[in-house]
Amino acid sequence: MGVVDRKWIPVLQRDGRYTRLLQLLERKALQQRLALRMHQLIARRRTDGDLH
């Protein structure tokens, strides 16, 4: 995702799009953290010999 120009923030806030944008960015960040955590857990299990 790109960067929001600060001059557009008041316009986006007025009609609710800024809140929606923040929610989408937060969801994307959460999904990235969860994916990273899953990769770490899988890698650890492979190192421990639990997965083939």
N, C-alpha and C. Protein backbone atom coordinates (compact mmCIF):
# COMPACT_ATOMS: atom_id res chain seq x y z
N MET A 1 0.84 -1.18 0.00
CA MET A 1 0.00 0.00 0.00
C MET A 1 0.88 1.23 0.00
N GLY A 2 0.33 2.31 -0.51
CA GLY A 2 1.08 3.54 -0.61
C GLY A 2 0.90 4.43 0.61
N VAL A 3 1.36 5.65 0.45
CA VAL A 3 1.29 6.64 1.51
C VAL A 3 0.15 7.60 1.20
N VAL A 4 -0.59 8.00 2.23
CA VAL A 4 -1.68 8.95 2.05
C VAL A 4 -1.13 10.36 2.23
N ASP A 5 -1.36 11.21 1.23
CA ASP A 5 -0.94 12.61 1.32
C ASP A 5 -1.73 13.27 2.44
N ARG A 6 -1.04 13.94 3.36
CA ARG A 6 -1.68 14.53 4.53
C ARG A 6 -2.79 15.51 4.18
N LYS A 7 -2.71 16.15 3.03
CA LYS A 7 -3.76 17.12 2.67
C LYS A 7 -5.10 16.43 2.41
N TRP A 8 -5.09 15.13 2.14
CA TRP A 8 -6.33 14.40 1.87
C TRP A 8 -6.96 13.82 3.13
N ILE A 9 -6.23 13.80 4.23
CA ILE A 9 -6.74 13.17 5.45
C ILE A 9 -8.06 13.80 5.93
N PRO A 10 -8.19 15.14 6.01
CA PRO A 10 -9.48 15.70 6.45
C PRO A 10 -10.65 15.29 5.55
N VAL A 11 -10.42 15.24 4.25
CA VAL A 11 -11.47 14.83 3.32
C VAL A 11 -11.85 13.37 3.57
N LEU A 12 -10.85 12.54 3.73
CA LEU A 12 -11.10 11.11 3.98
C LEU A 12 -11.80 10.91 5.33
N GLN A 13 -11.44 11.72 6.33
CA GLN A 13 -12.05 11.59 7.65
C GLN A 13 -13.53 11.97 7.60
N ARG A 14 -13.86 12.98 6.82
CA ARG A 14 -15.25 13.45 6.76
C ARG A 14 -16.21 12.37 6.29
N ASP A 15 -15.81 11.57 5.33
CA ASP A 15 -16.75 10.56 4.83
C ASP A 15 -16.41 9.14 5.30
N GLY A 16 -15.53 9.02 6.26
CA GLY A 16 -15.25 7.72 6.86
C GLY A 16 -14.20 6.88 6.16
N ARG A 17 -13.69 7.36 5.03
CA ARG A 17 -12.71 6.53 4.31
C ARG A 17 -11.38 6.43 5.05
N TYR A 18 -11.02 7.45 5.82
CA TYR A 18 -9.75 7.41 6.56
C TYR A 18 -9.80 6.30 7.61
N THR A 19 -10.92 6.21 8.32
CA THR A 19 -11.09 5.16 9.32
C THR A 19 -11.00 3.79 8.65
N ARG A 20 -11.65 3.65 7.51
CA ARG A 20 -11.62 2.38 6.77
C ARG A 20 -10.19 2.07 6.32
N LEU A 21 -9.48 3.07 5.84
CA LEU A 21 -8.10 2.88 5.41
C LEU A 21 -7.23 2.42 6.58
N LEU A 22 -7.41 3.05 7.74
CA LEU A 22 -6.63 2.64 8.92
C LEU A 22 -6.95 1.20 9.31
N GLN A 23 -8.25 0.83 9.23
CA GLN A 23 -8.62 -0.54 9.56
C GLN A 23 -7.97 -1.54 8.61
N LEU A 24 -7.95 -1.21 7.33
CA LEU A 24 -7.33 -2.10 6.34
C LEU A 24 -5.83 -2.23 6.58
N LEU A 25 -5.18 -1.09 6.90
CA LEU A 25 -3.74 -1.13 7.16
C LEU A 25 -3.44 -1.94 8.42
N GLU A 26 -4.27 -1.79 9.46
CA GLU A 26 -4.07 -2.56 10.69
C GLU A 26 -4.28 -4.05 10.42
N ARG A 27 -5.30 -4.39 9.63
CA ARG A 27 -5.55 -5.80 9.31
C ARG A 27 -4.39 -6.38 8.51
N LYS A 28 -3.87 -5.61 7.56
CA LYS A 28 -2.74 -6.10 6.76
C LYS A 28 -1.52 -6.33 7.65
N ALA A 29 -1.25 -5.41 8.57
CA ALA A 29 -0.11 -5.55 9.47
C ALA A 29 -0.29 -6.78 10.36
N LEU A 30 -1.51 -7.01 10.84
CA LEU A 30 -1.77 -8.18 11.68
C LEU A 30 -1.56 -9.46 10.89
N GLN A 31 -2.05 -9.51 9.65
CA GLN A 31 -1.87 -10.69 8.82
C GLN A 31 -0.39 -10.96 8.56
N GLN A 32 0.40 -9.90 8.36
CA GLN A 32 1.83 -10.08 8.12
C GLN A 32 2.51 -10.63 9.37
N ARG A 33 2.12 -10.12 10.55
CA ARG A 33 2.71 -10.62 11.80
C ARG A 33 2.33 -12.09 12.02
N LEU A 34 1.07 -12.43 11.75
CA LEU A 34 0.65 -13.82 11.91
C LEU A 34 1.37 -14.75 10.95
N ALA A 35 1.53 -14.32 9.70
CA ALA A 35 2.24 -15.13 8.71
C ALA A 35 3.69 -15.35 9.14
N LEU A 36 4.34 -14.30 9.62
CA LEU A 36 5.72 -14.41 10.08
C LEU A 36 5.82 -15.39 11.25
N ARG A 37 4.88 -15.28 12.18
CA ARG A 37 4.88 -16.17 13.34
C ARG A 37 4.69 -17.63 12.91
N MET A 38 3.79 -17.86 11.96
CA MET A 38 3.58 -19.22 11.47
C MET A 38 4.84 -19.77 10.83
N HIS A 39 5.51 -18.96 10.03
CA HIS A 39 6.76 -19.40 9.39
C HIS A 39 7.81 -19.73 10.45
N GLN A 40 7.88 -18.92 11.50
CA GLN A 40 8.84 -19.17 12.56
C GLN A 40 8.53 -20.49 13.27
N LEU A 41 7.25 -20.73 13.56
CA LEU A 41 6.88 -21.97 14.25
C LEU A 41 7.16 -23.19 13.39
N ILE A 42 6.85 -23.10 12.09
CA ILE A 42 7.12 -24.22 11.18
C ILE A 42 8.62 -24.48 11.09
N ALA A 43 9.40 -23.42 10.98
CA ALA A 43 10.86 -23.58 10.89
C ALA A 43 11.40 -24.21 12.16
N ARG A 44 10.89 -23.81 13.31
CA ARG A 44 11.35 -24.38 14.58
C ARG A 44 11.00 -25.87 14.66
N ARG A 45 9.78 -26.21 14.24
CA ARG A 45 9.37 -27.62 14.27
C ARG A 45 10.21 -28.45 13.32
N ARG A 46 10.56 -27.88 12.19
CA ARG A 46 11.42 -28.63 11.24
C ARG A 46 12.80 -28.83 11.83
N THR A 47 13.31 -27.83 12.53
CA THR A 47 14.63 -27.94 13.15
C THR A 47 14.61 -28.98 14.26
N ASP A 48 13.49 -29.03 14.96
CA ASP A 48 13.37 -30.00 16.06
C ASP A 48 13.08 -31.41 15.55
N GLY A 49 12.81 -31.56 14.24
CA GLY A 49 12.57 -32.86 13.66
C GLY A 49 11.12 -33.29 13.72
N ASP A 50 10.21 -32.38 14.07
CA ASP A 50 8.79 -32.74 14.17
C ASP A 50 8.13 -32.82 12.80
N LEU A 51 8.64 -32.09 11.85
CA LEU A 51 8.06 -32.09 10.49
C LEU A 51 9.09 -32.63 9.51
N HIS A 52 8.61 -33.25 8.46
CA HIS A 52 9.53 -33.79 7.44
C HIS A 52 9.52 -32.95 6.20
